[in-house]
Amino acid sequence: MMQHDIKTVMEAHAGVLMAVRGVTGVAIGETEDGAPCILILITVSAEEFRGRVPETIEGHPVRLLESGEIRPMRG
């Protein structure tokens, strides 16, 4: 059962998720069926990454997205 809204949950767990090796970002996204989820951007394939983070966080689904390394834009 979900107790907190997805934004609150994402913000509460972002620091821990960002500390996981291979995570480059955390956001709110959508599952394949359009439901809100916690989106974790990763530098490796989702298959290789599975098991490093839970499939749900406080009842909200987690989706992995291979983004590669993210770097700030210059200028």
N, C-alpha and C. Protein backbone atom coordinates (compact mmCIF):
# COMPACT_ATOMS: atom_id res chain seq x y z
N MET A 1 0.84 -1.19 0.00
CA MET A 1 0.00 0.00 0.00
C MET A 1 0.88 1.25 0.00
N MET A 2 0.56 2.20 -0.88
CA MET A 2 1.32 3.44 -0.97
C MET A 2 0.87 4.40 0.13
N GLN A 3 1.86 4.95 0.84
CA GLN A 3 1.53 5.87 1.92
C GLN A 3 1.88 7.31 1.59
N HIS A 4 2.87 7.52 0.75
CA HIS A 4 3.31 8.87 0.40
C HIS A 4 3.23 9.05 -1.12
N ASP A 5 3.06 10.31 -1.54
CA ASP A 5 3.02 10.57 -2.98
C ASP A 5 4.40 10.29 -3.58
N ILE A 6 4.42 10.01 -4.87
CA ILE A 6 5.63 9.57 -5.54
C ILE A 6 6.76 10.60 -5.48
N LYS A 7 6.44 11.87 -5.56
CA LYS A 7 7.48 12.92 -5.50
C LYS A 7 8.16 12.91 -4.14
N THR A 8 7.39 12.80 -3.07
CA THR A 8 7.95 12.76 -1.72
C THR A 8 8.85 11.55 -1.56
N VAL A 9 8.40 10.40 -2.05
CA VAL A 9 9.18 9.16 -1.94
C VAL A 9 10.46 9.28 -2.75
N MET A 10 10.37 9.78 -3.98
CA MET A 10 11.56 9.92 -4.82
C MET A 10 12.58 10.83 -4.14
N GLU A 11 12.13 11.96 -3.64
CA GLU A 11 13.04 12.91 -2.99
C GLU A 11 13.67 12.31 -1.74
N ALA A 12 12.91 11.53 -0.99
CA ALA A 12 13.42 10.92 0.24
C ALA A 12 14.48 9.86 -0.04
N HIS A 13 14.40 9.20 -1.19
CA HIS A 13 15.31 8.11 -1.51
C HIS A 13 16.38 8.47 -2.53
N ALA A 14 16.32 9.66 -3.10
CA ALA A 14 17.24 10.04 -4.18
C ALA A 14 18.70 9.94 -3.76
N GLY A 15 19.04 10.39 -2.58
CA GLY A 15 20.43 10.36 -2.13
C GLY A 15 20.99 8.96 -2.06
N VAL A 16 20.21 8.04 -1.50
CA VAL A 16 20.64 6.64 -1.41
C VAL A 16 20.74 6.02 -2.80
N LEU A 17 19.77 6.30 -3.66
CA LEU A 17 19.79 5.75 -5.02
C LEU A 17 20.98 6.29 -5.81
N MET A 18 21.26 7.59 -5.67
CA MET A 18 22.37 8.19 -6.40
C MET A 18 23.72 7.65 -5.93
N ALA A 19 23.78 7.11 -4.73
CA ALA A 19 25.02 6.54 -4.20
C ALA A 19 25.31 5.14 -4.77
N VAL A 20 24.33 4.54 -5.44
CA VAL A 20 24.52 3.21 -6.02
C VAL A 20 25.38 3.36 -7.28
N ARG A 21 26.43 2.57 -7.36
CA ARG A 21 27.32 2.64 -8.52
C ARG A 21 26.55 2.36 -9.80
N GLY A 22 26.69 3.25 -10.77
CA GLY A 22 26.00 3.10 -12.06
C GLY A 22 24.76 3.96 -12.20
N VAL A 23 24.30 4.59 -11.11
CA VAL A 23 23.13 5.46 -11.18
C VAL A 23 23.60 6.88 -11.52
N THR A 24 22.97 7.47 -12.54
CA THR A 24 23.33 8.83 -12.94
C THR A 24 22.21 9.84 -12.68
N GLY A 25 21.03 9.35 -12.35
CA GLY A 25 19.92 10.27 -12.08
C GLY A 25 18.69 9.53 -11.57
N VAL A 26 17.82 10.30 -10.93
CA VAL A 26 16.56 9.78 -10.42
C VAL A 26 15.48 10.79 -10.78
N ALA A 27 14.36 10.30 -11.27
CA ALA A 27 13.28 11.19 -11.70
C ALA A 27 11.94 10.46 -11.55
N ILE A 28 10.88 11.16 -11.86
CA ILE A 28 9.56 10.54 -11.93
C ILE A 28 9.29 10.27 -13.40
N GLY A 29 8.94 9.04 -13.70
CA GLY A 29 8.66 8.64 -15.07
C GLY A 29 7.34 7.91 -15.14
N GLU A 30 7.21 7.10 -16.18
CA GLU A 30 5.99 6.30 -16.38
C GLU A 30 6.37 4.87 -16.69
N THR A 31 5.55 3.95 -16.22
CA THR A 31 5.71 2.55 -16.58
C THR A 31 5.20 2.36 -18.01
N GLU A 32 5.35 1.16 -18.54
CA GLU A 32 4.88 0.89 -19.91
C GLU A 32 3.38 1.11 -20.07
N ASP A 33 2.63 0.94 -18.97
CA ASP A 33 1.18 1.15 -19.05
C ASP A 33 0.75 2.56 -18.64
N GLY A 34 1.71 3.47 -18.47
CA GLY A 34 1.41 4.86 -18.21
C GLY A 34 1.27 5.25 -16.75
N ALA A 35 1.50 4.32 -15.83
CA ALA A 35 1.42 4.64 -14.40
C ALA A 35 2.69 5.36 -13.96
N PRO A 36 2.60 6.28 -12.99
CA PRO A 36 3.81 6.95 -12.51
C PRO A 36 4.76 5.96 -11.85
N CYS A 37 6.06 6.21 -12.00
CA CYS A 37 7.06 5.36 -11.38
C CYS A 37 8.28 6.19 -11.01
N ILE A 38 9.15 5.59 -10.22
CA ILE A 38 10.43 6.21 -9.92
C ILE A 38 11.39 5.71 -11.00
N LEU A 39 11.90 6.63 -11.77
CA LEU A 39 12.77 6.32 -12.91
C LEU A 39 14.22 6.48 -12.46
N ILE A 40 14.99 5.42 -12.64
CA ILE A 40 16.40 5.45 -12.26
C ILE A 40 17.22 5.36 -13.54
N LEU A 41 18.00 6.40 -13.80
CA LEU A 41 18.85 6.44 -14.99
C LEU A 41 20.18 5.78 -14.65
N ILE A 42 20.61 4.86 -15.52
CA ILE A 42 21.79 4.06 -15.23
C ILE A 42 22.77 4.06 -16.41
N THR A 43 24.03 3.76 -16.10
CA THR A 43 25.07 3.77 -17.14
C THR A 43 25.28 2.41 -17.77
N VAL A 44 24.74 1.36 -17.16
CA VAL A 44 24.90 0.00 -17.68
C VAL A 44 23.54 -0.52 -18.13
N SER A 45 23.52 -1.70 -18.74
CA SER A 45 22.25 -2.26 -19.19
C SER A 45 21.37 -2.61 -18.00
N ALA A 46 20.07 -2.50 -18.18
CA ALA A 46 19.12 -2.80 -17.11
C ALA A 46 19.28 -4.23 -16.63
N GLU A 47 19.56 -5.13 -17.55
CA GLU A 47 19.75 -6.55 -17.19
C GLU A 47 20.93 -6.70 -16.24
N GLU A 48 22.03 -6.03 -16.55
CA GLU A 48 23.23 -6.09 -15.72
C GLU A 48 23.00 -5.40 -14.37
N PHE A 49 22.13 -4.41 -14.34
CA PHE A 49 21.91 -3.59 -13.15
C PHE A 49 20.91 -4.22 -12.17
N ARG A 50 20.02 -5.08 -12.65
CA ARG A 50 18.96 -5.65 -11.81
C ARG A 50 19.52 -6.19 -10.50
N GLY A 51 18.78 -5.98 -9.44
CA GLY A 51 19.19 -6.45 -8.12
C GLY A 51 19.93 -5.40 -7.31
N ARG A 52 20.38 -4.33 -7.94
CA ARG A 52 21.08 -3.27 -7.21
C ARG A 52 20.11 -2.33 -6.51
N VAL A 53 18.90 -2.24 -7.03
CA VAL A 53 17.85 -1.40 -6.42
C VAL A 53 16.57 -2.22 -6.38
N PRO A 54 15.65 -1.88 -5.47
CA PRO A 54 14.40 -2.65 -5.38
C PRO A 54 13.49 -2.41 -6.58
N GLU A 55 12.55 -3.33 -6.78
CA GLU A 55 11.58 -3.20 -7.88
C GLU A 55 10.48 -2.20 -7.53
N THR A 56 10.26 -1.97 -6.24
CA THR A 56 9.32 -0.95 -5.77
C THR A 56 9.95 -0.23 -4.59
N ILE A 57 9.56 1.01 -4.41
CA ILE A 57 9.99 1.80 -3.24
C ILE A 57 8.74 2.39 -2.63
N GLU A 58 8.48 2.01 -1.40
CA GLU A 58 7.28 2.46 -0.67
C GLU A 58 6.02 2.29 -1.51
N GLY A 59 5.96 1.17 -2.23
CA GLY A 59 4.78 0.84 -3.02
C GLY A 59 4.77 1.41 -4.43
N HIS A 60 5.73 2.26 -4.77
CA HIS A 60 5.80 2.84 -6.12
C HIS A 60 6.73 1.99 -6.98
N PRO A 61 6.31 1.69 -8.22
CA PRO A 61 7.19 0.89 -9.09
C PRO A 61 8.45 1.65 -9.46
N VAL A 62 9.52 0.89 -9.69
CA VAL A 62 10.80 1.44 -10.12
C VAL A 62 11.05 0.98 -11.54
N ARG A 63 11.49 1.89 -12.39
CA ARG A 63 11.83 1.57 -13.79
C ARG A 63 13.27 1.99 -14.03
N LEU A 64 14.02 1.16 -14.71
CA LEU A 64 15.40 1.47 -15.05
C LEU A 64 15.48 1.95 -16.49
N LEU A 65 16.29 2.98 -16.73
CA LEU A 65 16.49 3.50 -18.08
C LEU A 65 17.98 3.68 -18.32
N GLU A 66 18.49 2.95 -19.30
CA GLU A 66 19.90 3.09 -19.64
C GLU A 66 20.11 4.41 -20.37
N SER A 67 20.81 5.32 -19.70
CA SER A 67 21.01 6.66 -20.26
C SER A 67 22.46 6.91 -20.64
N GLY A 68 23.35 6.05 -20.19
CA GLY A 68 24.77 6.34 -20.35
C GLY A 68 25.16 7.38 -19.32
N GLU A 69 26.37 7.87 -19.42
CA GLU A 69 26.84 8.86 -18.47
C GLU A 69 26.22 10.22 -18.78
N ILE A 70 25.81 10.93 -17.76
CA ILE A 70 25.21 12.26 -17.92
C ILE A 70 26.21 13.28 -17.42
N ARG A 71 26.46 14.27 -18.23
CA ARG A 71 27.40 15.34 -17.85
C ARG A 71 26.71 16.69 -18.03
N PRO A 72 27.06 17.67 -17.18
CA PRO A 72 26.44 18.99 -17.32
C PRO A 72 26.88 19.65 -18.62
N MET A 73 25.98 20.45 -19.20
CA MET A 73 26.30 21.18 -20.42
C MET A 73 27.15 22.37 -20.08
N ARG A 74 28.02 22.73 -20.97
CA ARG A 74 28.87 23.92 -20.75
C ARG A 74 28.13 25.15 -21.28
N GLY A 75 28.42 26.26 -20.62
CA GLY A 75 27.91 27.52 -21.11
C GLY A 75 26.55 27.78 -20.65
